[in-house]
């Protein structure tokens, strides 16, 4: 197995953008996802740059915490065995401890 470390290019985050993102995350609570944040901010990567890289930078600076969520695509579902039935469906909560 090969491991590749990517070093994202750090960029200057305008104060108003950082504050808007932090406020939106705070108002969304622990359960705000990247898609919801992107929609709330009306974020367009082509004009504003990569939101995921910006969120990664905010996390590296210790301003936010994140949890990654995954779901299968239609193609992913086609890769499951015929007759596959999930044993259990889990809730949408994020399994992390809230630090106070």
C-alpha atoms as a PDB file:
ATOM      1  CA  UNK A   1       0.000   0.000   0.000  1.00  0.00           C
ATOM      2  CA  UNK A   2       1.316   3.418  -0.939  1.00  0.00           C
ATOM      3  CA  UNK A   3       0.615   6.513   1.102  1.00  0.00           C
ATOM      4  CA  UNK A   4       0.611   9.929  -0.484  1.00  0.00           C
ATOM      5  CA  UNK A   5       0.593  13.108   1.581  1.00  0.00           C
ATOM      6  CA  UNK A   6      -0.877  16.131  -0.097  1.00  0.00           C
ATOM      7  CA  UNK A   7       0.199  19.532   1.087  1.00  0.00           C
ATOM      8  CA  UNK A   8      -2.547  21.995   0.322  1.00  0.00           C
ATOM      9  CA  UNK A   9      -1.450  25.463  -0.675  1.00  0.00           C
ATOM     10  CA  UNK A  10      -2.191  27.915   2.098  1.00  0.00           C
ATOM     11  CA  UNK A  11      -3.959  31.055   1.049  1.00  0.00           C
ATOM     12  CA  UNK A  12      -4.924  34.266   2.740  1.00  0.00           C
ATOM     13  CA  UNK A  13      -8.517  33.939   3.906  1.00  0.00           C
ATOM     14  CA  UNK A  14     -10.400  37.237   3.920  1.00  0.00           C
ATOM     15  CA  UNK A  15     -11.604  37.962   7.462  1.00  0.00           C
ATOM     16  CA  UNK A  16     -15.221  38.398   6.358  1.00  0.00           C
ATOM     17  CA  UNK A  17     -15.194  35.006   4.580  1.00  0.00           C
ATOM     18  CA  UNK A  18     -13.676  33.271   7.599  1.00  0.00           C
ATOM     19  CA  UNK A  19     -16.221  34.853   9.950  1.00  0.00           C
ATOM     20  CA  UNK A  20     -19.122  33.939   7.642  1.00  0.00           C
ATOM     21  CA  UNK A  21     -17.992  30.314   7.465  1.00  0.00           C
ATOM     22  CA  UNK A  22     -17.465  30.085  11.232  1.00  0.00           C
ATOM     23  CA  UNK A  23     -20.897  31.660  11.875  1.00  0.00           C
ATOM     24  CA  UNK A  24     -22.618  29.250   9.457  1.00  0.00           C
ATOM     25  CA  UNK A  25     -20.902  26.247  11.020  1.00  0.00           C
ATOM     26  CA  UNK A  26     -21.839  27.470  14.495  1.00  0.00           C
ATOM     27  CA  UNK A  27     -25.483  27.985  13.543  1.00  0.00           C
ATOM     28  CA  UNK A  28     -25.583  24.564  11.864  1.00  0.00           C
ATOM     29  CA  UNK A  29     -24.324  22.838  14.966  1.00  0.00           C
ATOM     30  CA  UNK A  30     -22.420  19.569  14.830  1.00  0.00           C
ATOM     31  CA  UNK A  31     -24.481  18.205  11.976  1.00  0.00           C
ATOM     32  CA  UNK A  32     -23.781  20.670   9.174  1.00  0.00           C
ATOM     33  CA  UNK A  33     -22.369  18.908   6.128  1.00  0.00           C
ATOM     34  CA  UNK A  34     -20.215  20.240   3.314  1.00  0.00           C
ATOM     35  CA  UNK A  35     -23.117  20.276   0.835  1.00  0.00           C
ATOM     36  CA  UNK A  36     -25.351  22.218   3.220  1.00  0.00           C
ATOM     37  CA  UNK A  37     -22.562  24.674   4.010  1.00  0.00           C
ATOM     38  CA  UNK A  38     -21.835  25.114   0.302  1.00  0.00           C
ATOM     39  CA  UNK A  39     -25.527  25.839  -0.367  1.00  0.00           C
ATOM     40  CA  UNK A  40     -25.901  28.193   2.606  1.00  0.00           C
ATOM     41  CA  UNK A  41     -22.842  30.195   1.594  1.00  0.00           C
ATOM     42  CA  UNK A  42     -23.809  30.095  -2.121  1.00  0.00           C
ATOM     43  CA  UNK A  43     -20.217  28.930  -2.643  1.00  0.00           C
ATOM     44  CA  UNK A  44     -18.898  28.390  -6.160  1.00  0.00           C
ATOM     45  CA  UNK A  45     -15.446  26.798  -6.403  1.00  0.00           C
ATOM     46  CA  UNK A  46     -14.848  28.369  -9.820  1.00  0.00           C
ATOM     47  CA  UNK A  47     -15.128  31.908  -8.470  1.00  0.00           C
ATOM     48  CA  UNK A  48     -14.207  31.490  -4.784  1.00  0.00           C
ATOM     49  CA  UNK A  49     -11.653  28.658  -4.895  1.00  0.00           C
ATOM     50  CA  UNK A  50     -11.964  25.243  -3.283  1.00  0.00           C
ATOM     51  CA  UNK A  51     -14.255  25.251  -0.246  1.00  0.00           C
ATOM     52  CA  UNK A  52     -12.837  21.918   0.922  1.00  0.00           C
ATOM     53  CA  UNK A  53      -9.290  23.293   0.904  1.00  0.00           C
ATOM     54  CA  UNK A  54     -10.469  26.351   2.807  1.00  0.00           C
ATOM     55  CA  UNK A  55     -12.239  24.179   5.407  1.00  0.00           C
ATOM     56  CA  UNK A  56      -9.102  22.030   5.692  1.00  0.00           C
ATOM     57  CA  UNK A  57      -7.052  25.146   6.358  1.00  0.00           C
ATOM     58  CA  UNK A  58      -9.514  26.330   9.038  1.00  0.00           C
ATOM     59  CA  UNK A  59      -9.291  22.898  10.662  1.00  0.00           C
ATOM     60  CA  UNK A  60      -5.477  22.971  10.600  1.00  0.00           C
ATOM     61  CA  UNK A  61      -5.613  26.363  12.321  1.00  0.00           C
ATOM     62  CA  UNK A  62      -7.735  24.790  15.081  1.00  0.00           C
ATOM     63  CA  UNK A  63     -10.858  26.836  14.301  1.00  0.00           C
ATOM     64  CA  UNK A  64     -13.195  23.987  13.315  1.00  0.00           C
ATOM     65  CA  UNK A  65     -13.524  20.228  13.714  1.00  0.00           C
ATOM     66  CA  UNK A  66     -14.763  17.984  10.961  1.00  0.00           C
ATOM     67  CA  UNK A  67     -16.048  14.483  10.369  1.00  0.00           C
ATOM     68  CA  UNK A  68     -16.212  12.920   6.940  1.00  0.00           C
ATOM     69  CA  UNK A  69     -19.430  11.255   5.791  1.00  0.00           C
ATOM     70  CA  UNK A  70     -19.713   8.736   2.979  1.00  0.00           C
ATOM     71  CA  UNK A  71     -22.583   7.379   0.899  1.00  0.00           C
ATOM     72  CA  UNK A  72     -22.732   5.057  -2.061  1.00  0.00           C
ATOM     73  CA  UNK A  73     -23.364   6.354  -5.545  1.00  0.00           C
ATOM     74  CA  UNK A  74     -25.640   4.506  -7.965  1.00  0.00           C
ATOM     75  CA  UNK A  75     -22.514   2.867  -9.360  1.00  0.00           C
ATOM     76  CA  UNK A  76     -21.455   1.887  -5.843  1.00  0.00           C
ATOM     77  CA  UNK A  77     -24.815   0.188  -5.249  1.00  0.00           C
ATOM     78  CA  UNK A  78     -24.370  -1.848  -8.443  1.00  0.00           C
ATOM     79  CA  UNK A  79     -21.175  -3.318  -6.964  1.00  0.00           C
ATOM     80  CA  UNK A  80     -23.034  -4.918  -4.043  1.00  0.00           C
ATOM     81  CA  UNK A  81     -23.912  -8.620  -4.300  1.00  0.00           C
ATOM     82  CA  UNK A  82     -27.300  -9.577  -5.737  1.00  0.00           C
ATOM     83  CA  UNK A  83     -29.936  -9.715  -3.002  1.00  0.00           C
ATOM     84  CA  UNK A  84     -27.832  -7.621  -0.625  1.00  0.00           C
ATOM     85  CA  UNK A  85     -29.844  -6.126   2.226  1.00  0.00           C
ATOM     86  CA  UNK A  86     -28.190  -3.911   4.841  1.00  0.00           C
ATOM     87  CA  UNK A  87     -28.429  -5.418   8.300  1.00  0.00           C
ATOM     88  CA  UNK A  88     -28.975  -2.101   9.999  1.00  0.00           C
ATOM     89  CA  UNK A  89     -29.422   1.534   9.069  1.00  0.00           C
ATOM     90  CA  UNK A  90     -27.615   4.001  11.252  1.00  0.00           C
ATOM     91  CA  UNK A  91     -28.748   7.476  12.207  1.00  0.00           C
ATOM     92  CA  UNK A  92     -27.260  10.597  10.704  1.00  0.00           C
ATOM     93  CA  UNK A  93     -25.479  11.745  13.866  1.00  0.00           C
ATOM     94  CA  UNK A  94     -21.781  12.464  13.883  1.00  0.00           C
ATOM     95  CA  UNK A  95     -20.001  10.090  16.288  1.00  0.00           C
ATOM     96  CA  UNK A  96     -17.696  12.474  18.049  1.00  0.00           C
ATOM     97  CA  UNK A  97     -17.366  13.873  21.500  1.00  0.00           C
ATOM     98  CA  UNK A  98     -18.206  17.516  22.068  1.00  0.00           C
ATOM     99  CA  UNK A  99     -15.305  19.221  23.822  1.00  0.00           C
ATOM    100  CA  UNK A 100     -16.196  21.882  26.337  1.00  0.00           C
END
